[in-house]
Amino acid sequence: MQEQSLSIQEAKYLGNYVIRVYFSSNEAKDIDFSKAFKKLKGYYAKYAEIENFKKFKVENGNLVWGENWDVIFPVWDIYTGKIN
């Protein structure tokens, strides 16, 4: 798997802070974002509220929160589960 060619095709909210992420590699992984979102501070802390967390989008192969991609993680980090 090459890091540069990996993208996110789709994502579904499962519950709490877990999202099933579908990658361009035809793999799906359940990713727990709870630790990462509990660390958000200031303006970005609003995305740690579950109602805001659930409003993620997949845009241009990335999983993002907010109109201006306020919160985004590298796709490779999501794929490898290193988002803490």
C-alpha atoms as a PDB file:
ATOM      1  CA  MET A   1       0.000   0.000   0.000  1.00  0.00           C
ATOM      2  CA  GLN A   2       1.406   3.361  -1.006  1.00  0.00           C
ATOM      3  CA  GLU A   3       0.670   6.214   1.328  1.00  0.00           C
ATOM      4  CA  GLN A   4       0.314   8.785  -1.481  1.00  0.00           C
ATOM      5  CA  SER A   5      -2.369   6.874  -3.386  1.00  0.00           C
ATOM      6  CA  LEU A   6      -4.588   6.076  -0.411  1.00  0.00           C
ATOM      7  CA  SER A   7      -7.821   8.028  -0.065  1.00  0.00           C
ATOM      8  CA  ILE A   8     -11.083   7.791   1.817  1.00  0.00           C
ATOM      9  CA  GLN A   9     -14.079   6.847  -0.305  1.00  0.00           C
ATOM     10  CA  GLU A  10     -16.844   6.811   2.305  1.00  0.00           C
ATOM     11  CA  ALA A  11     -17.370   6.984   6.056  1.00  0.00           C
ATOM     12  CA  LYS A  12     -20.247   5.955   8.319  1.00  0.00           C
ATOM     13  CA  TYR A  13     -20.861   6.907  11.914  1.00  0.00           C
ATOM     14  CA  LEU A  14     -21.191   3.811  14.127  1.00  0.00           C
ATOM     15  CA  GLY A  15     -21.622   5.285  17.602  1.00  0.00           C
ATOM     16  CA  ASN A  16     -19.757   7.224  20.272  1.00  0.00           C
ATOM     17  CA  TYR A  17     -16.627   8.417  18.446  1.00  0.00           C
ATOM     18  CA  VAL A  18     -16.268   5.448  16.105  1.00  0.00           C
ATOM     19  CA  ILE A  19     -16.446   5.844  12.333  1.00  0.00           C
ATOM     20  CA  ARG A  20     -16.235   3.054   9.771  1.00  0.00           C
ATOM     21  CA  VAL A  21     -13.879   4.372   7.106  1.00  0.00           C
ATOM     22  CA  TYR A  22     -13.837   2.905   3.601  1.00  0.00           C
ATOM     23  CA  PHE A  23     -10.501   3.343   1.839  1.00  0.00           C
ATOM     24  CA  SER A  24      -9.538   3.306  -1.843  1.00  0.00           C
ATOM     25  CA  SER A  25      -7.672   0.065  -1.097  1.00  0.00           C
ATOM     26  CA  ASN A  26     -11.097  -1.644  -0.802  1.00  0.00           C
ATOM     27  CA  GLU A  27     -10.608  -1.991   2.943  1.00  0.00           C
ATOM     28  CA  ALA A  28     -12.870  -0.749   5.711  1.00  0.00           C
ATOM     29  CA  LYS A  29     -11.701  -0.037   9.247  1.00  0.00           C
ATOM     30  CA  ASP A  30     -13.549   1.041  12.374  1.00  0.00           C
ATOM     31  CA  ILE A  31     -11.633   3.985  13.792  1.00  0.00           C
ATOM     32  CA  ASP A  32     -12.109   5.293  17.334  1.00  0.00           C
ATOM     33  CA  PHE A  33     -11.493   9.051  17.339  1.00  0.00           C
ATOM     34  CA  SER A  34     -12.367   9.545  21.034  1.00  0.00           C
ATOM     35  CA  LYS A  35      -8.833  10.190  22.321  1.00  0.00           C
ATOM     36  CA  ALA A  36      -7.983  12.590  19.502  1.00  0.00           C
ATOM     37  CA  PHE A  37     -11.177  14.620  19.890  1.00  0.00           C
ATOM     38  CA  LYS A  38     -10.892  14.868  23.651  1.00  0.00           C
ATOM     39  CA  LYS A  39      -7.585  16.693  23.101  1.00  0.00           C
ATOM     40  CA  LEU A  40      -9.138  19.470  20.996  1.00  0.00           C
ATOM     41  CA  LYS A  41      -8.952  22.907  22.616  1.00  0.00           C
ATOM     42  CA  GLY A  42     -10.397  26.351  22.084  1.00  0.00           C
ATOM     43  CA  TYR A  43     -12.421  26.914  18.914  1.00  0.00           C
ATOM     44  CA  TYR A  44     -11.925  23.299  17.823  1.00  0.00           C
ATOM     45  CA  ALA A  45     -13.287  21.813  21.057  1.00  0.00           C
ATOM     46  CA  LYS A  46     -16.829  22.201  19.693  1.00  0.00           C
ATOM     47  CA  TYR A  47     -16.160  19.238  17.396  1.00  0.00           C
ATOM     48  CA  ALA A  48     -15.695  17.023  20.454  1.00  0.00           C
ATOM     49  CA  GLU A  49     -19.412  17.445  21.196  1.00  0.00           C
ATOM     50  CA  ILE A  50     -21.008  14.311  19.778  1.00  0.00           C
ATOM     51  CA  GLU A  51     -23.588  16.205  17.696  1.00  0.00           C
ATOM     52  CA  ASN A  52     -20.813  18.143  15.956  1.00  0.00           C
ATOM     53  CA  PHE A  53     -18.567  15.101  15.698  1.00  0.00           C
ATOM     54  CA  LYS A  54     -21.258  13.285  13.726  1.00  0.00           C
ATOM     55  CA  LYS A  55     -21.270  16.057  11.077  1.00  0.00           C
ATOM     56  CA  PHE A  56     -18.072  14.887   9.355  1.00  0.00           C
ATOM     57  CA  LYS A  57     -17.784  14.781   5.565  1.00  0.00           C
ATOM     58  CA  VAL A  58     -15.634  13.040   3.011  1.00  0.00           C
ATOM     59  CA  GLU A  59     -14.177  15.644   0.660  1.00  0.00           C
ATOM     60  CA  ASN A  60     -11.418  15.121  -1.894  1.00  0.00           C
ATOM     61  CA  GLY A  61     -10.528  11.776  -0.316  1.00  0.00           C
ATOM     62  CA  ASN A  62     -10.230  13.205   3.207  1.00  0.00           C
ATOM     63  CA  LEU A  63     -12.365  12.887   6.318  1.00  0.00           C
ATOM     64  CA  VAL A  64     -13.047  16.419   7.561  1.00  0.00           C
ATOM     65  CA  TRP A  65     -15.060  18.392  10.085  1.00  0.00           C
ATOM     66  CA  GLY A  66     -16.190  21.973   9.561  1.00  0.00           C
ATOM     67  CA  GLU A  67     -16.773  24.126   6.490  1.00  0.00           C
ATOM     68  CA  ASN A  68     -13.098  25.001   6.148  1.00  0.00           C
ATOM     69  CA  TRP A  69     -11.720  21.614   7.136  1.00  0.00           C
ATOM     70  CA  ASP A  70     -11.274  22.791  10.732  1.00  0.00           C
ATOM     71  CA  VAL A  71     -10.347  19.263  11.805  1.00  0.00           C
ATOM     72  CA  ILE A  72      -8.567  16.853   9.473  1.00  0.00           C
ATOM     73  CA  PHE A  73      -6.178  13.945   9.990  1.00  0.00           C
ATOM     74  CA  PRO A  74      -3.717  12.585   7.441  1.00  0.00           C
ATOM     75  CA  VAL A  75      -5.360   9.677   5.609  1.00  0.00           C
ATOM     76  CA  TRP A  76      -2.371   7.436   6.315  1.00  0.00           C
ATOM     77  CA  ASP A  77      -2.692   8.125  10.059  1.00  0.00           C
ATOM     78  CA  ILE A  78      -6.361   7.143   9.946  1.00  0.00           C
ATOM     79  CA  TYR A  79      -5.541   4.026   7.943  1.00  0.00           C
ATOM     80  CA  THR A  80      -2.853   2.941  10.427  1.00  0.00           C
ATOM     81  CA  GLY A  81      -4.959   3.973  13.457  1.00  0.00           C
ATOM     82  CA  LYS A  82      -2.389   6.497  14.684  1.00  0.00           C
ATOM     83  CA  ILE A  83      -4.667   9.416  15.452  1.00  0.00           C
ATOM     84  CA  ASN A  84      -4.299   9.661  19.224  1.00  0.00           C
END
